Amino acid sequence: MIEAAILWRRLDTEGHDSCQLFRLADGWRLTGMAVFGHEGKACVASYEAECDAAWRTRSSKVTGWLGPQALDFQISTDGGRWTLNGVEQPQVVGCIDVDLGFTPATNLLALRRYALAIGQQTPAPAAYLAFPEPRLERLEQTYRRLDATKYNYTASAYGYDDVLKVSEHGFVLDYPGLWKAAQA
């Protein structure tokens, strides 16, 4: 059953992304498609991320193209170990969340899983797809809930520290400098 849907406009380059959140019998699924420019090439990336009922990532996939290059990333985890296209990724052992760096959709996973109270803060390391490279890297990030709709989000590896505005479903509505909801 569809729980919510959103359309974003990309701010740092031409592009859009649209995503749906589905409630499953035993968990959740994000399904979306991003269309944008990347390093002078047109890109289409269809993606999916599936979680259990507690919002722990089970799997994710990305297919599409970047210029003439085909994209096909299959990510899976058993709750601690991760593989990318069948190859173990020891650098992200212990991560619970996947982060597909080309879309704001996967921020929802950590936000829903942690369910922070106002004023609470937590580190939220994620298995980050280093798009368009076929590798996962550990992304150290932190969320601090400011009020009912705002979180301070920090990803120091990318020099990012700003306030994200989110919907009641957990979709980021305003990701300063990167994404803004066009329809939610």
C-alpha atoms as a PDB file:
ATOM      1  CA  MET A   1       0.000   0.000   0.000  1.00  0.00           C
ATOM      2  CA  ILE A   2       1.328   3.453  -0.911  1.00  0.00           C
ATOM      3  CA  GLU A   3       1.872   5.540   2.209  1.00  0.00           C
ATOM      4  CA  ALA A   4       3.256   8.701   0.581  1.00  0.00           C
ATOM      5  CA  ALA A   5       4.855  10.124  -2.571  1.00  0.00           C
ATOM      6  CA  ILE A   6       7.021  13.130  -3.330  1.00  0.00           C
ATOM      7  CA  LEU A   7       8.623  15.023  -6.219  1.00  0.00           C
ATOM      8  CA  TRP A   8      11.887  16.929  -5.679  1.00  0.00           C
ATOM      9  CA  ARG A   9      13.696  19.527  -7.740  1.00  0.00           C
ATOM     10  CA  ARG A  10      17.474  19.351  -7.619  1.00  0.00           C
ATOM     11  CA  LEU A  11      19.178  22.646  -6.750  1.00  0.00           C
ATOM     12  CA  ASP A  12      22.871  22.045  -7.495  1.00  0.00           C
ATOM     13  CA  THR A  13      22.304  20.836 -11.085  1.00  0.00           C
ATOM     14  CA  GLU A  14      19.378  20.306 -13.470  1.00  0.00           C
ATOM     15  CA  GLY A  15      17.251  17.441 -12.271  1.00  0.00           C
ATOM     16  CA  HIS A  16      14.261  15.942 -10.533  1.00  0.00           C
ATOM     17  CA  ASP A  17      13.534  12.907  -8.392  1.00  0.00           C
ATOM     18  CA  SER A  18      10.244  11.266  -7.515  1.00  0.00           C
ATOM     19  CA  CYS A  19       9.720   8.613  -4.874  1.00  0.00           C
ATOM     20  CA  GLN A  20       6.958   6.544  -3.308  1.00  0.00           C
ATOM     21  CA  LEU A  21       6.917   4.969   0.142  1.00  0.00           C
ATOM     22  CA  PHE A  22       5.153   1.605   0.345  1.00  0.00           C
ATOM     23  CA  ARG A  23       4.021  -0.237   3.454  1.00  0.00           C
ATOM     24  CA  LEU A  24       4.692  -3.982   3.067  1.00  0.00           C
ATOM     25  CA  ALA A  25       3.328  -6.861   5.142  1.00  0.00           C
ATOM     26  CA  ASP A  26       6.705  -7.154   6.880  1.00  0.00           C
ATOM     27  CA  GLY A  27       8.387  -3.802   6.306  1.00  0.00           C
ATOM     28  CA  TRP A  28       8.794  -0.818   3.988  1.00  0.00           C
ATOM     29  CA  ARG A  29       9.952  -0.014   0.464  1.00  0.00           C
ATOM     30  CA  LEU A  30      11.086   3.196  -1.191  1.00  0.00           C
ATOM     31  CA  THR A  31      10.818   3.189  -4.985  1.00  0.00           C
ATOM     32  CA  GLY A  32      11.861   6.120  -7.117  1.00  0.00           C
ATOM     33  CA  MET A  33      13.535   7.564 -10.169  1.00  0.00           C
ATOM     34  CA  ALA A  34      16.011  10.411 -10.397  1.00  0.00           C
ATOM     35  CA  VAL A  35      16.774  12.229 -13.654  1.00  0.00           C
ATOM     36  CA  PHE A  36      19.642  14.720 -13.502  1.00  0.00           C
ATOM     37  CA  GLY A  37      22.907  15.915 -14.969  1.00  0.00           C
ATOM     38  CA  HIS A  38      26.124  14.474 -13.525  1.00  0.00           C
ATOM     39  CA  GLU A  39      29.537  15.771 -14.601  1.00  0.00           C
ATOM     40  CA  GLY A  40      28.196  16.892 -17.979  1.00  0.00           C
ATOM     41  CA  LYS A  41      26.300  13.675 -18.706  1.00  0.00           C
ATOM     42  CA  ALA A  42      22.597  12.887 -18.578  1.00  0.00           C
ATOM     43  CA  CYS A  43      21.651  10.378 -15.884  1.00  0.00           C
ATOM     44  CA  VAL A  44      18.578   8.274 -15.157  1.00  0.00           C
ATOM     45  CA  ALA A  45      18.661   6.238 -11.946  1.00  0.00           C
ATOM     46  CA  SER A  46      15.763   4.041 -10.875  1.00  0.00           C
ATOM     47  CA  TYR A  47      16.159   2.960  -7.272  1.00  0.00           C
ATOM     48  CA  GLU A  48      14.615   0.881  -4.554  1.00  0.00           C
ATOM     49  CA  ALA A  49      15.411   0.379  -0.887  1.00  0.00           C
ATOM     50  CA  GLU A  50      13.657  -2.241   1.215  1.00  0.00           C
ATOM     51  CA  CYS A  51      13.577  -2.317   5.023  1.00  0.00           C
ATOM     52  CA  ASP A  52      12.116  -4.519   7.715  1.00  0.00           C
ATOM     53  CA  ALA A  53       9.334  -3.296  10.005  1.00  0.00           C
ATOM     54  CA  ALA A  54      11.915  -1.564  12.271  1.00  0.00           C
ATOM     55  CA  TRP A  55      13.371   0.384   9.296  1.00  0.00           C
ATOM     56  CA  ARG A  56      16.578  -1.680   9.078  1.00  0.00           C
ATOM     57  CA  THR A  57      17.792  -1.912   5.480  1.00  0.00           C
ATOM     58  CA  ARG A  58      17.539  -5.344   3.851  1.00  0.00           C
ATOM     59  CA  SER A  59      18.452  -4.465   0.275  1.00  0.00           C
ATOM     60  CA  SER A  60      18.691  -1.751  -2.307  1.00  0.00           C
ATOM     61  CA  LYS A  61      19.158  -1.543  -6.038  1.00  0.00           C
ATOM     62  CA  VAL A  62      19.910   1.103  -8.623  1.00  0.00           C
ATOM     63  CA  THR A  63      19.531   0.663 -12.381  1.00  0.00           C
ATOM     64  CA  GLY A  64      19.706   3.093 -15.264  1.00  0.00           C
ATOM     65  CA  TRP A  65      22.403   4.925 -17.150  1.00  0.00           C
ATOM     66  CA  LEU A  66      24.907   7.723 -16.922  1.00  0.00           C
ATOM     67  CA  GLY A  67      25.758   8.902 -20.429  1.00  0.00           C
ATOM     68  CA  PRO A  68      26.806   5.699 -22.239  1.00  0.00           C
ATOM     69  CA  GLN A  69      27.487   3.802 -18.982  1.00  0.00           C
ATOM     70  CA  ALA A  70      24.883   1.328 -17.708  1.00  0.00           C
ATOM     71  CA  LEU A  71      24.130   1.461 -13.984  1.00  0.00           C
ATOM     72  CA  ASP A  72      23.315  -1.762 -12.143  1.00  0.00           C
ATOM     73  CA  PHE A  73      24.000  -1.821  -8.407  1.00  0.00           C
ATOM     74  CA  GLN A  74      22.572  -4.613  -6.238  1.00  0.00           C
ATOM     75  CA  ILE A  75      23.099  -3.999  -2.518  1.00  0.00           C
ATOM     76  CA  SER A  76      22.184  -6.426   0.244  1.00  0.00           C
ATOM     77  CA  THR A  77      22.784  -6.775   3.957  1.00  0.00           C
ATOM     78  CA  ASP A  78      22.112  -9.337   6.636  1.00  0.00           C
ATOM     79  CA  GLY A  79      22.009  -6.675   9.326  1.00  0.00           C
ATOM     80  CA  GLY A  80      25.767  -6.271   9.620  1.00  0.00           C
ATOM     81  CA  ARG A  81      27.594  -7.539   6.528  1.00  0.00           C
ATOM     82  CA  TRP A  82      27.020  -5.792   3.213  1.00  0.00           C
ATOM     83  CA  THR A  83      27.530  -6.822  -0.403  1.00  0.00           C
ATOM     84  CA  LEU A  84      27.510  -4.771  -3.585  1.00  0.00           C
ATOM     85  CA  ASN A  85      26.901  -6.797  -6.738  1.00  0.00           C
ATOM     86  CA  GLY A  86      27.806  -9.911  -4.736  1.00  0.00           C
ATOM     87  CA  VAL A  87      31.138  -8.536  -3.465  1.00  0.00           C
ATOM     88  CA  GLU A  88      31.546  -8.100   0.304  1.00  0.00           C
ATOM     89  CA  GLN A  89      32.025  -4.516   1.477  1.00  0.00           C
ATOM     90  CA  PRO A  90      33.936  -4.790   4.799  1.00  0.00           C
ATOM     91  CA  GLN A  91      34.287  -1.010   5.153  1.00  0.00           C
ATOM     92  CA  VAL A  92      30.557  -0.724   5.976  1.00  0.00           C
ATOM     93  CA  VAL A  93      30.209  -3.701   8.350  1.00  0.00           C
ATOM     94  CA  GLY A  94      27.853  -2.779  11.167  1.00  0.00           C
ATOM     95  CA  CYS A  95      25.937  -0.074   9.269  1.00  0.00           C
ATOM     96  CA  ILE A  96      22.170  -0.422   9.342  1.00  0.00           C
ATOM     97  CA  ASP A  97      21.064   2.184   6.798  1.00  0.00           C
ATOM     98  CA  VAL A  98      21.791   2.487   3.092  1.00  0.00           C
ATOM     99  CA  ASP A  99      22.336   5.986   1.706  1.00  0.00           C
ATOM    100  CA  LEU A 100      21.990   6.448  -2.043  1.00  0.00           C
ATOM    101  CA  GLY A 101      23.915   9.693  -2.390  1.00  0.00           C
ATOM    102  CA  PHE A 102      22.155  10.908  -5.555  1.00  0.00           C
ATOM    103  CA  THR A 103      18.707  11.094  -3.889  1.00  0.00           C
ATOM    104  CA  PRO A 104      17.290  12.586  -0.680  1.00  0.00           C
ATOM    105  CA  ALA A 105      14.900   9.626  -0.394  1.00  0.00           C
ATOM    106  CA  THR A 106      17.108   7.443   1.784  1.00  0.00           C
ATOM    107  CA  ASN A 107      17.399  10.045   4.573  1.00  0.00           C
ATOM    108  CA  LEU A 108      13.871   8.930   5.429  1.00  0.00           C
ATOM    109  CA  LEU A 109      15.161   5.501   6.520  1.00  0.00           C
ATOM    110  CA  ALA A 110      17.320   6.788   9.380  1.00  0.00           C
ATOM    111  CA  LEU A 111      14.768   9.437  10.371  1.00  0.00           C
ATOM    112  CA  ARG A 112      12.010   6.849  10.703  1.00  0.00           C
ATOM    113  CA  ARG A 113      14.227   4.239  12.392  1.00  0.00           C
ATOM    114  CA  TYR A 114      15.649   6.565  15.042  1.00  0.00           C
ATOM    115  CA  ALA A 115      12.331   8.379  15.697  1.00  0.00           C
ATOM    116  CA  LEU A 116      14.175  11.041  17.687  1.00  0.00           C
ATOM    117  CA  ALA A 117      12.382  13.137  20.271  1.00  0.00           C
ATOM    118  CA  ILE A 118      12.780  16.918  20.011  1.00  0.00           C
ATOM    119  CA  GLY A 119      16.257  17.802  21.272  1.00  0.00           C
ATOM    120  CA  GLN A 120      17.694  14.293  20.779  1.00  0.00           C
ATOM    121  CA  GLN A 121      20.755  13.687  18.626  1.00  0.00           C
ATOM    122  CA  THR A 122      22.289  10.501  17.275  1.00  0.00           C
ATOM    123  CA  PRO A 123      25.176   9.399  15.111  1.00  0.00           C
ATOM    124  CA  ALA A 124      23.751   7.568  12.089  1.00  0.00           C
ATOM    125  CA  PRO A 125      26.560   5.939  10.086  1.00  0.00           C
ATOM    126  CA  ALA A 126      25.334   4.643   6.738  1.00  0.00           C
ATOM    127  CA  ALA A 127      26.503   2.413   3.892  1.00  0.00           C
ATOM    128  CA  TYR A 128      26.842   5.161   1.292  1.00  0.00           C
ATOM    129  CA  LEU A 129      26.779   4.362  -2.419  1.00  0.00           C
ATOM    130  CA  ALA A 130      29.638   6.448  -3.838  1.00  0.00           C
ATOM    131  CA  PHE A 131      27.682   7.235  -7.007  1.00  0.00           C
ATOM    132  CA  PRO A 132      28.488   6.518  -9.784  1.00  0.00           C
ATOM    133  CA  GLU A 133      31.344   4.356  -8.495  1.00  0.00           C
ATOM    134  CA  PRO A 134      30.507   0.733  -7.772  1.00  0.00           C
ATOM    135  CA  ARG A 135      31.518   0.875  -4.101  1.00  0.00           C
ATOM    136  CA  LEU A 136      30.034   1.462  -0.688  1.00  0.00           C
ATOM    137  CA  GLU A 137      31.757   3.652   1.867  1.00  0.00           C
ATOM    138  CA  ARG A 138      30.983   4.363   5.494  1.00  0.00           C
ATOM    139  CA  LEU A 139      29.370   7.794   5.803  1.00  0.00           C
ATOM    140  CA  GLU A 140      29.519   9.264   9.293  1.00  0.00           C
ATOM    141  CA  GLN A 141      26.495  11.469   9.748  1.00  0.00           C
ATOM    142  CA  THR A 142      24.498  12.920  12.619  1.00  0.00           C
ATOM    143  CA  TYR A 143      20.860  13.920  13.035  1.00  0.00           C
ATOM    144  CA  ARG A 144      19.593  16.239  15.790  1.00  0.00           C
ATOM    145  CA  ARG A 145      15.861  16.867  15.970  1.00  0.00           C
ATOM    146  CA  LEU A 146      15.094  20.554  16.415  1.00  0.00           C
ATOM    147  CA  ASP A 147      11.287  20.519  16.332  1.00  0.00           C
ATOM    148  CA  ALA A 148       8.391  18.584  14.776  1.00  0.00           C
ATOM    149  CA  THR A 149       9.609  19.154  11.202  1.00  0.00           C
ATOM    150  CA  LYS A 150      13.301  20.129  11.391  1.00  0.00           C
ATOM    151  CA  TYR A 151      16.550  18.228  11.895  1.00  0.00           C
ATOM    152  CA  ASN A 152      20.112  19.481  11.963  1.00  0.00           C
ATOM    153  CA  TYR A 153      21.971  17.107   9.628  1.00  0.00           C
ATOM    154  CA  THR A 154      25.751  16.805   9.511  1.00  0.00           C
ATOM    155  CA  ALA A 155      27.909  14.771   7.120  1.00  0.00           C
ATOM    156  CA  SER A 156      31.394  16.096   7.872  1.00  0.00           C
ATOM    157  CA  ALA A 157      33.119  14.105   5.083  1.00  0.00           C
ATOM    158  CA  TYR A 158      31.230  16.314   2.622  1.00  0.00           C
ATOM    159  CA  GLY A 159      31.365  19.481   4.715  1.00  0.00           C
ATOM    160  CA  TYR A 160      27.590  19.456   5.055  1.00  0.00           C
ATOM    161  CA  ASP A 161      25.918  20.907   8.158  1.00  0.00           C
ATOM    162  CA  ASP A 162      22.456  22.393   7.720  1.00  0.00           C
ATOM    163  CA  VAL A 163      18.823  22.125   8.769  1.00  0.00           C
ATOM    164  CA  LEU A 164      16.581  19.705   6.880  1.00  0.00           C
ATOM    165  CA  LYS A 165      12.831  20.270   6.849  1.00  0.00           C
ATOM    166  CA  VAL A 166      10.834  17.021   6.667  1.00  0.00           C
ATOM    167  CA  SER A 167       7.259  15.918   6.011  1.00  0.00           C
ATOM    168  CA  GLU A 168       5.081  13.990   8.443  1.00  0.00           C
ATOM    169  CA  HIS A 169       6.139  10.809   6.591  1.00  0.00           C
ATOM    170  CA  GLY A 170       9.862  11.552   6.927  1.00  0.00           C
ATOM    171  CA  PHE A 171      10.595  12.731   3.377  1.00  0.00           C
ATOM    172  CA  VAL A 172      13.012  15.654   3.258  1.00  0.00           C
ATOM    173  CA  LEU A 173      11.123  18.701   1.958  1.00  0.00           C
ATOM    174  CA  ASP A 174      14.036  21.128   2.009  1.00  0.00           C
ATOM    175  CA  TYR A 175      17.661  19.948   1.757  1.00  0.00           C
ATOM    176  CA  PRO A 176      19.442  23.322   1.552  1.00  0.00           C
ATOM    177  CA  GLY A 177      21.617  23.686  -1.528  1.00  0.00           C
ATOM    178  CA  LEU A 178      20.712  20.246  -2.891  1.00  0.00           C
ATOM    179  CA  TRP A 179      16.988  19.433  -3.058  1.00  0.00           C
ATOM    180  CA  LYS A 180      13.599  21.073  -2.563  1.00  0.00           C
ATOM    181  CA  ALA A 181      10.195  19.389  -2.698  1.00  0.00           C
ATOM    182  CA  ALA A 182       8.139  20.428  -5.697  1.00  0.00           C
ATOM    183  CA  GLN A 183       5.118  18.360  -4.641  1.00  0.00           C
ATOM    184  CA  ALA A 184       4.559  16.313  -1.518  1.00  0.00           C
END
